[in-house]
Amino acid sequence: MKAIGKNLIIQKEKQGSSKTEGGLILSEKQREDLRYNKAQIISTGNLVEAVKPKDNIYYDGHAGHDIEINKTIYQVIKEHDIVIVL
């Protein structure tokens, strides 16, 4: 599996559920307070310069789309959607 151009294939890190101050338990998808998600880069396109595979990043949570390969869910995002490289 190889990304092309300025695309990246990433695997999102599981955030799990969380509890609000009022005691409500929110699932990962209900966490609207998180604008950015953490992920690990699986593959970078040939035009990507700033990051490499296995880098951990934070990226815009509204970016990209999901893709399923061999029953594993990955996301495809653009290089400009990355906000932090750890």
PDB file of N, CA and C in Angstrom:
ATOM      1  N   MET A   1       0.848  -1.164   0.000  1.00  0.00           N
ATOM      2  CA  MET A   1       0.000   0.000   0.000  1.00  0.00           C
ATOM      3  C   MET A   1       0.898   1.233   0.000  1.00  0.00           C
ATOM      4  N   LYS A   2       0.713   2.100  -0.971  1.00  0.00           N
ATOM      5  CA  LYS A   2       1.563   3.284  -1.107  1.00  0.00           C
ATOM      6  C   LYS A   2       0.707   4.484  -1.473  1.00  0.00           C
ATOM      7  N   ALA A   3       0.886   5.560  -0.757  1.00  0.00           N
ATOM      8  CA  ALA A   3       0.204   6.813  -1.076  1.00  0.00           C
ATOM      9  C   ALA A   3       0.879   7.461  -2.284  1.00  0.00           C
ATOM     10  N   ILE A   4       0.141   8.313  -2.980  1.00  0.00           N
ATOM     11  CA  ILE A   4       0.649   8.984  -4.177  1.00  0.00           C
ATOM     12  C   ILE A   4       0.491  10.490  -4.030  1.00  0.00           C
ATOM     13  N   GLY A   5       1.431  11.246  -4.598  1.00  0.00           N
ATOM     14  CA  GLY A   5       1.365  12.707  -4.581  1.00  0.00           C
ATOM     15  C   GLY A   5       1.551  13.275  -3.192  1.00  0.00           C
ATOM     16  N   LYS A   6       0.674  14.202  -2.786  1.00  0.00           N
ATOM     17  CA  LYS A   6       0.750  14.822  -1.462  1.00  0.00           C
ATOM     18  C   LYS A   6      -0.178  14.139  -0.463  1.00  0.00           C
ATOM     19  N   ASN A   7      -0.621  12.923  -0.789  1.00  0.00           N
ATOM     20  CA  ASN A   7      -1.497  12.157   0.101  1.00  0.00           C
ATOM     21  C   ASN A   7      -0.691  11.377   1.122  1.00  0.00           C
ATOM     22  N   LEU A   8      -1.335  11.115   2.258  1.00  0.00           N
ATOM     23  CA  LEU A   8      -0.752  10.280   3.302  1.00  0.00           C
ATOM     24  C   LEU A   8      -1.781   9.239   3.706  1.00  0.00           C
ATOM     25  N   ILE A   9      -1.331   8.043   3.989  1.00  0.00           N
ATOM     26  CA  ILE A   9      -2.182   7.020   4.569  1.00  0.00           C
ATOM     27  C   ILE A   9      -1.810   6.943   6.033  1.00  0.00           C
ATOM     28  N   ILE A  10      -2.810   7.114   6.897  1.00  0.00           N
ATOM     29  CA  ILE A  10      -2.561   7.149   8.335  1.00  0.00           C
ATOM     30  C   ILE A  10      -3.472   6.153   9.048  1.00  0.00           C
ATOM     31  N   GLN A  11      -3.080   5.800  10.264  1.00  0.00           N
ATOM     32  CA  GLN A  11      -3.927   4.977  11.113  1.00  0.00           C
ATOM     33  C   GLN A  11      -4.193   5.775  12.374  1.00  0.00           C
ATOM     34  N   LYS A  12      -5.458   6.099  12.577  1.00  0.00           N
ATOM     35  CA  LYS A  12      -5.876   6.923  13.699  1.00  0.00           C
ATOM     36  C   LYS A  12      -5.703   6.171  15.012  1.00  0.00           C
ATOM     37  N   GLU A  13      -5.237   6.885  16.020  1.00  0.00           N
ATOM     38  CA  GLU A  13      -5.086   6.302  17.354  1.00  0.00           C
ATOM     39  C   GLU A  13      -6.441   6.317  18.054  1.00  0.00           C
ATOM     40  N   LYS A  14      -6.773   5.228  18.702  1.00  0.00           N
ATOM     41  CA  LYS A  14      -8.042   5.144  19.437  1.00  0.00           C
ATOM     42  C   LYS A  14      -7.989   6.079  20.642  1.00  0.00           C
ATOM     43  N   GLN A  15      -9.014   6.933  20.775  1.00  0.00           N
ATOM     44  CA  GLN A  15      -9.095   7.864  21.896  1.00  0.00           C
ATOM     45  C   GLN A  15      -9.882   7.288  23.059  1.00  0.00           C
ATOM     46  N   GLY A  16     -10.797   6.359  22.769  1.00  0.00           N
ATOM     47  CA  GLY A  16     -11.624   5.772  23.818  1.00  0.00           C
ATOM     48  C   GLY A  16     -12.723   6.710  24.253  1.00  0.00           C
ATOM     49  N   SER A  17     -13.489   6.274  25.207  1.00  0.00           N
ATOM     50  CA  SER A  17     -14.580   7.100  25.712  1.00  0.00           C
ATOM     51  C   SER A  17     -14.057   7.998  26.832  1.00  0.00           C
ATOM     52  N   SER A  18     -14.850   9.012  27.149  1.00  0.00           N
ATOM     53  CA  SER A  18     -14.456   9.928  28.222  1.00  0.00           C
ATOM     54  C   SER A  18     -15.697  10.309  29.016  1.00  0.00           C
ATOM     55  N   LYS A  19     -15.466  10.830  30.204  1.00  0.00           N
ATOM     56  CA  LYS A  19     -16.560  11.207  31.092  1.00  0.00           C
ATOM     57  C   LYS A  19     -16.581  12.723  31.245  1.00  0.00           C
ATOM     58  N   THR A  20     -17.772  13.327  31.120  1.00  0.00           N
ATOM     59  CA  THR A  20     -17.910  14.771  31.294  1.00  0.00           C
ATOM     60  C   THR A  20     -17.960  15.105  32.779  1.00  0.00           C
ATOM     61  N   GLU A  21     -17.908  16.400  33.096  1.00  0.00           N
ATOM     62  CA  GLU A  21     -17.997  16.828  34.490  1.00  0.00           C
ATOM     63  C   GLU A  21     -19.333  16.436  35.107  1.00  0.00           C
ATOM     64  N   GLY A  22     -20.379  16.363  34.283  1.00  0.00           N
ATOM     65  CA  GLY A  22     -21.704  15.985  34.761  1.00  0.00           C
ATOM     66  C   GLY A  22     -21.898  14.483  34.893  1.00  0.00           C
ATOM     67  N   GLY A  23     -20.905  13.697  34.471  1.00  0.00           N
ATOM     68  CA  GLY A  23     -20.978  12.256  34.621  1.00  0.00           C
ATOM     69  C   GLY A  23     -21.407  11.500  33.376  1.00  0.00           C
ATOM     70  N   LEU A  24     -21.674  12.216  32.268  1.00  0.00           N
ATOM     71  CA  LEU A  24     -22.049  11.532  31.031  1.00  0.00           C
ATOM     72  C   LEU A  24     -20.818  10.892  30.399  1.00  0.00           C
ATOM     73  N   ILE A  25     -20.996   9.702  29.857  1.00  0.00           N
ATOM     74  CA  ILE A  25     -19.903   9.022  29.172  1.00  0.00           C
ATOM     75  C   ILE A  25     -20.078   9.244  27.678  1.00  0.00           C
ATOM     76  N   LEU A  26     -19.068   9.833  27.040  1.00  0.00           N
ATOM     77  CA  LEU A  26     -19.105  10.135  25.616  1.00  0.00           C
ATOM     78  C   LEU A  26     -18.220   9.162  24.865  1.00  0.00           C
ATOM     79  N   SER A  27     -18.751   8.644  23.756  1.00  0.00           N
ATOM     80  CA  SER A  27     -17.931   7.780  22.913  1.00  0.00           C
ATOM     81  C   SER A  27     -16.957   8.640  22.123  1.00  0.00           C
ATOM     82  N   GLU A  28     -16.009   8.004  21.473  1.00  0.00           N
ATOM     83  CA  GLU A  28     -14.997   8.719  20.697  1.00  0.00           C
ATOM     84  C   GLU A  28     -15.633   9.612  19.632  1.00  0.00           C
ATOM     85  N   LYS A  29     -16.685   9.147  18.974  1.00  0.00           N
ATOM     86  CA  LYS A  29     -17.331   9.921  17.903  1.00  0.00           C
ATOM     87  C   LYS A  29     -18.115  11.104  18.441  1.00  0.00           C
ATOM     88  N   GLN A  30     -18.478  11.102  19.711  1.00  0.00           N
ATOM     89  CA  GLN A  30     -19.249  12.189  20.300  1.00  0.00           C
ATOM     90  C   GLN A  30     -18.372  13.297  20.869  1.00  0.00           C
ATOM     91  N   ARG A  31     -17.067  13.134  20.823  1.00  0.00           N
ATOM     92  CA  ARG A  31     -16.140  14.120  21.391  1.00  0.00           C
ATOM     93  C   ARG A  31     -15.965  15.284  20.435  1.00  0.00           C
ATOM     94  N   GLU A  32     -16.868  16.250  20.491  1.00  0.00           N
ATOM     95  CA  GLU A  32     -16.807  17.422  19.620  1.00  0.00           C
ATOM     96  C   GLU A  32     -15.762  18.426  20.076  1.00  0.00           C
ATOM     97  N   ASP A  33     -15.271  18.289  21.323  1.00  0.00           N
ATOM     98  CA  ASP A  33     -14.290  19.239  21.840  1.00  0.00           C
ATOM     99  C   ASP A  33     -12.906  19.012  21.232  1.00  0.00           C
ATOM    100  N   LEU A  34     -12.681  17.863  20.601  1.00  0.00           N
ATOM    101  CA  LEU A  34     -11.379  17.563  20.005  1.00  0.00           C
ATOM    102  C   LEU A  34     -11.373  17.950  18.531  1.00  0.00           C
ATOM    103  N   ARG A  35     -10.657  18.982  18.191  1.00  0.00           N
ATOM    104  CA  ARG A  35     -10.564  19.416  16.797  1.00  0.00           C
ATOM    105  C   ARG A  35      -9.534  18.585  16.041  1.00  0.00           C
ATOM    106  N   TYR A  36      -8.469  18.147  16.747  1.00  0.00           N
ATOM    107  CA  TYR A  36      -7.378  17.425  16.101  1.00  0.00           C
ATOM    108  C   TYR A  36      -7.289  15.999  16.629  1.00  0.00           C
ATOM    109  N   ASN A  37      -6.944  15.086  15.752  1.00  0.00           N
ATOM    110  CA  ASN A  37      -6.805  13.677  16.101  1.00  0.00           C
ATOM    111  C   ASN A  37      -5.350  13.250  15.981  1.00  0.00           C
ATOM    112  N   LYS A  38      -4.975  12.265  16.788  1.00  0.00           N
ATOM    113  CA  LYS A  38      -3.619  11.727  16.747  1.00  0.00           C
ATOM    114  C   LYS A  38      -3.600  10.490  15.863  1.00  0.00           C
ATOM    115  N   ALA A  39      -2.532  10.329  15.087  1.00  0.00           N
ATOM    116  CA  ALA A  39      -2.416   9.181  14.190  1.00  0.00           C
ATOM    117  C   ALA A  39      -0.956   8.868  13.930  1.00  0.00           C
ATOM    118  N   GLN A  40      -0.726   7.685  13.358  1.00  0.00           N
ATOM    119  CA  GLN A  40       0.606   7.304  12.913  1.00  0.00           C
ATOM    120  C   GLN A  40       0.580   7.206  11.395  1.00  0.00           C
ATOM    121  N   ILE A  41       1.620   7.713  10.755  1.00  0.00           N
ATOM    122  CA  ILE A  41       1.703   7.672   9.302  1.00  0.00           C
ATOM    123  C   ILE A  41       2.126   6.274   8.860  1.00  0.00           C
ATOM    124  N   ILE A  42       1.371   5.713   7.930  1.00  0.00           N
ATOM    125  CA  ILE A  42       1.658   4.392   7.382  1.00  0.00           C
ATOM    126  C   ILE A  42       2.440   4.530   6.077  1.00  0.00           C
ATOM    127  N   SER A  43       2.026   5.466   5.209  1.00  0.00           N
ATOM    128  CA  SER A  43       2.683   5.665   3.921  1.00  0.00           C
ATOM    129  C   SER A  43       2.567   7.122   3.501  1.00  0.00           C
ATOM    130  N   THR A  44       3.610   7.639   2.860  1.00  0.00           N
ATOM    131  CA  THR A  44       3.598   9.009   2.342  1.00  0.00           C
ATOM    132  C   THR A  44       3.715   8.990   0.827  1.00  0.00           C
ATOM    133  N   GLY A  45       3.089   9.967   0.197  1.00  0.00           N
ATOM    134  CA  GLY A  45       3.184  10.095  -1.249  1.00  0.00           C
ATOM    135  C   GLY A  45       4.560  10.591  -1.669  1.00  0.00           C
ATOM    136  N   ASN A  46       4.839  10.490  -2.953  1.00  0.00           N
ATOM    137  CA  ASN A  46       6.156  10.868  -3.473  1.00  0.00           C
ATOM    138  C   ASN A  46       6.432  12.371  -3.428  1.00  0.00           C
ATOM    139  N   LEU A  47       5.428  13.205  -3.214  1.00  0.00           N
ATOM    140  CA  LEU A  47       5.635  14.660  -3.142  1.00  0.00           C
ATOM    141  C   LEU A  47       5.636  15.188  -1.709  1.00  0.00           C
ATOM    142  N   VAL A  48       5.520  14.314  -0.730  1.00  0.00           N
ATOM    143  CA  VAL A  48       5.501  14.716   0.681  1.00  0.00           C
ATOM    144  C   VAL A  48       6.941  14.828   1.178  1.00  0.00           C
ATOM    145  N   GLU A  49       7.258  15.973   1.812  1.00  0.00           N
ATOM    146  CA  GLU A  49       8.632  16.218   2.252  1.00  0.00           C
ATOM    147  C   GLU A  49       8.778  16.335   3.767  1.00  0.00           C
ATOM    148  N   ALA A  50       7.740  16.761   4.465  1.00  0.00           N
ATOM    149  CA  ALA A  50       7.879  17.123   5.877  1.00  0.00           C
ATOM    150  C   ALA A  50       7.796  15.949   6.851  1.00  0.00           C
ATOM    151  N   VAL A  51       7.222  14.837   6.434  1.00  0.00           N
ATOM    152  CA  VAL A  51       7.036  13.705   7.337  1.00  0.00           C
ATOM    153  C   VAL A  51       7.427  12.406   6.648  1.00  0.00           C
ATOM    154  N   LYS A  52       7.544  11.359   7.469  1.00  0.00           N
ATOM    155  CA  LYS A  52       7.909  10.044   6.919  1.00  0.00           C
ATOM    156  C   LYS A  52       7.076   8.964   7.613  1.00  0.00           C
ATOM    157  N   PRO A  53       7.027   7.757   7.052  1.00  0.00           N
ATOM    158  CA  PRO A  53       6.278   6.681   7.705  1.00  0.00           C
ATOM    159  C   PRO A  53       6.754   6.455   9.142  1.00  0.00           C
ATOM    160  N   LYS A  54       5.817   6.099   9.997  1.00  0.00           N
ATOM    161  CA  LYS A  54       5.992   5.846  11.430  1.00  0.00           C
ATOM    162  C   LYS A  54       6.050   7.109  12.272  1.00  0.00           C
ATOM    163  N   ASP A  55       5.994   8.302  11.641  1.00  0.00           N
ATOM    164  CA  ASP A  55       5.885   9.537  12.417  1.00  0.00           C
ATOM    165  C   ASP A  55       4.512   9.585  13.068  1.00  0.00           C
ATOM    166  N   ASN A  56       4.441  10.138  14.275  1.00  0.00           N
ATOM    167  CA  ASN A  56       3.167  10.378  14.944  1.00  0.00           C
ATOM    168  C   ASN A  56       2.794  11.825  14.707  1.00  0.00           C
ATOM    169  N   ILE A  57       1.527  12.055  14.389  1.00  0.00           N
ATOM    170  CA  ILE A  57       1.069  13.391  14.025  1.00  0.00           C
ATOM    171  C   ILE A  57      -0.257  13.712  14.699  1.00  0.00           C
ATOM    172  N   TYR A  58      -0.593  14.995  14.707  1.00  0.00           N
ATOM    173  CA  TYR A  58      -1.948  15.466  14.961  1.00  0.00           C
ATOM    174  C   TYR A  58      -2.408  16.108  13.661  1.00  0.00           C
ATOM    175  N   TYR A  59      -3.647  15.806  13.274  1.00  0.00           N
ATOM    176  CA  TYR A  59      -4.181  16.330  12.015  1.00  0.00           C
ATOM    177  C   TYR A  59      -5.608  16.814  12.234  1.00  0.00           C
ATOM    178  N   ASP A  60      -6.091  17.643  11.313  1.00  0.00           N
ATOM    179  CA  ASP A  60      -7.447  18.178  11.376  1.00  0.00           C
ATOM    180  C   ASP A  60      -8.443  17.028  11.322  1.00  0.00           C
ATOM    181  N   GLY A  61      -9.284  16.914  12.334  1.00  0.00           N
ATOM    182  CA  GLY A  61     -10.232  15.816  12.439  1.00  0.00           C
ATOM    183  C   GLY A  61     -11.285  15.779  11.353  1.00  0.00           C
ATOM    184  N   HIS A  62     -11.481  16.894  10.651  1.00  0.00           N
ATOM    185  CA  HIS A  62     -12.483  16.950   9.581  1.00  0.00           C
ATOM    186  C   HIS A  62     -11.886  16.592   8.228  1.00  0.00           C
ATOM    187  N   ALA A  63     -10.618  16.309   8.192  1.00  0.00           N
ATOM    188  CA  ALA A  63      -9.917  16.070   6.921  1.00  0.00           C
ATOM    189  C   ALA A  63     -10.006  14.612   6.486  1.00  0.00           C
ATOM    190  N   GLY A  64      -9.864  14.412   5.204  1.00  0.00           N
ATOM    191  CA  GLY A  64      -9.687  13.081   4.644  1.00  0.00           C
ATOM    192  C   GLY A  64     -10.910  12.205   4.627  1.00  0.00           C
ATOM    193  N   HIS A  65     -10.665  10.951   4.328  1.00  0.00           N
ATOM    194  CA  HIS A  65     -11.725   9.950   4.259  1.00  0.00           C
ATOM    195  C   HIS A  65     -11.167   8.586   4.656  1.00  0.00           C
ATOM    196  N   ASP A  66     -12.078   7.706   5.052  1.00  0.00           N
ATOM    197  CA  ASP A  66     -11.680   6.362   5.481  1.00  0.00           C
ATOM    198  C   ASP A  66     -11.562   5.427   4.289  1.00  0.00           C
ATOM    199  N   ILE A  67     -10.690   4.440   4.445  1.00  0.00           N
ATOM    200  CA  ILE A  67     -10.538   3.385   3.454  1.00  0.00           C
ATOM    201  C   ILE A  67     -10.279   2.093   4.214  1.00  0.00           C
ATOM    202  N   GLU A  68     -10.915   1.000   3.789  1.00  0.00           N
ATOM    203  CA  GLU A  68     -10.742  -0.287   4.455  1.00  0.00           C
ATOM    204  C   GLU A  68      -9.911  -1.210   3.580  1.00  0.00           C
ATOM    205  N   ILE A  69      -8.817  -1.716   4.146  1.00  0.00           N
ATOM    206  CA  ILE A  69      -7.943  -2.658   3.443  1.00  0.00           C
ATOM    207  C   ILE A  69      -7.682  -3.822   4.384  1.00  0.00           C
ATOM    208  N   ASN A  70      -7.990  -5.023   3.922  1.00  0.00           N
ATOM    209  CA  ASN A  70      -7.817  -6.237   4.744  1.00  0.00           C
ATOM    210  C   ASN A  70      -8.456  -6.103   6.123  1.00  0.00           C
ATOM    211  N   LYS A  71      -9.673  -5.579   6.160  1.00  0.00           N
ATOM    212  CA  LYS A  71     -10.476  -5.424   7.386  1.00  0.00           C
ATOM    213  C   LYS A  71      -9.871  -4.445   8.391  1.00  0.00           C
ATOM    214  N   THR A  72      -8.954  -3.612   7.949  1.00  0.00           N
ATOM    215  CA  THR A  72      -8.381  -2.565   8.793  1.00  0.00           C
ATOM    216  C   THR A  72      -8.761  -1.215   8.200  1.00  0.00           C
ATOM    217  N   ILE A  73      -9.211  -0.291   9.044  1.00  0.00           N
ATOM    218  CA  ILE A  73      -9.622   1.038   8.595  1.00  0.00           C
ATOM    219  C   ILE A  73      -8.417   1.985   8.661  1.00  0.00           C
ATOM    220  N   TYR A  74      -8.114   2.619   7.536  1.00  0.00           N
ATOM    221  CA  TYR A  74      -7.083   3.647   7.441  1.00  0.00           C
ATOM    222  C   TYR A  74      -7.762   4.933   7.000  1.00  0.00           C
ATOM    223  N   GLN A  75      -7.043   6.041   7.094  1.00  0.00           N
ATOM    224  CA  GLN A  75      -7.539   7.304   6.580  1.00  0.00           C
ATOM    225  C   GLN A  75      -6.539   7.846   5.575  1.00  0.00           C
ATOM    226  N   VAL A  76      -7.067   8.525   4.571  1.00  0.00           N
ATOM    227  CA  VAL A  76      -6.238   9.195   3.576  1.00  0.00           C
ATOM    228  C   VAL A  76      -6.442  10.690   3.782  1.00  0.00           C
ATOM    229  N   ILE A  77      -5.338  11.399   4.041  1.00  0.00           N
ATOM    230  CA  ILE A  77      -5.391  12.853   4.229  1.00  0.00           C
ATOM    231  C   ILE A  77      -4.337  13.503   3.348  1.00  0.00           C
ATOM    232  N   LYS A  78      -4.403  14.807   3.251  1.00  0.00           N
ATOM    233  CA  LYS A  78      -3.402  15.595   2.511  1.00  0.00           C
ATOM    234  C   LYS A  78      -2.335  16.084   3.483  1.00  0.00           C
ATOM    235  N   GLU A  79      -1.164  16.345   2.957  1.00  0.00           N
ATOM    236  CA  GLU A  79      -0.049  16.818   3.789  1.00  0.00           C
ATOM    237  C   GLU A  79      -0.412  18.101   4.531  1.00  0.00           C
ATOM    238  N   HIS A  80      -1.164  18.996   3.903  1.00  0.00           N
ATOM    239  CA  HIS A  80      -1.478  20.279   4.542  1.00  0.00           C
ATOM    240  C   HIS A  80      -2.482  20.158   5.702  1.00  0.00           C
ATOM    241  N   ASP A  81      -3.067  18.961   5.909  1.00  0.00           N
ATOM    242  CA  ASP A  81      -3.980  18.749   7.033  1.00  0.00           C
ATOM    243  C   ASP A  81      -3.243  18.449   8.332  1.00  0.00           C
ATOM    244  N   ILE A  82      -1.936  18.214   8.283  1.00  0.00           N
ATOM    245  CA  ILE A  82      -1.140  17.948   9.476  1.00  0.00           C
ATOM    246  C   ILE A  82      -0.866  19.267  10.190  1.00  0.00           C
ATOM    247  N   VAL A  83      -1.058  19.267  11.522  1.00  0.00           N
ATOM    248  CA  VAL A  83      -0.783  20.478  12.295  1.00  0.00           C
ATOM    249  C   VAL A  83       0.428  20.326  13.202  1.00  0.00           C
ATOM    250  N   ILE A  84       0.731  19.096  13.646  1.00  0.00           N
ATOM    251  CA  ILE A  84       1.883  18.853  14.529  1.00  0.00           C
ATOM    252  C   ILE A  84       2.506  17.511  14.191  1.00  0.00           C
ATOM    253  N   VAL A  85       3.832  17.481  14.171  1.00  0.00           N
ATOM    254  CA  VAL A  85       4.568  16.213  14.072  1.00  0.00           C
ATOM    255  C   VAL A  85       5.259  16.005  15.410  1.00  0.00           C
ATOM    256  N   LEU A  86       5.027  14.864  16.028  1.00  0.00           N
ATOM    257  CA  LEU A  86       5.626  14.592  17.338  1.00  0.00           C
ATOM    258  C   LEU A  86       7.005  14.009  17.209  1.00  0.00           C
TER     259      LEU A  86
END
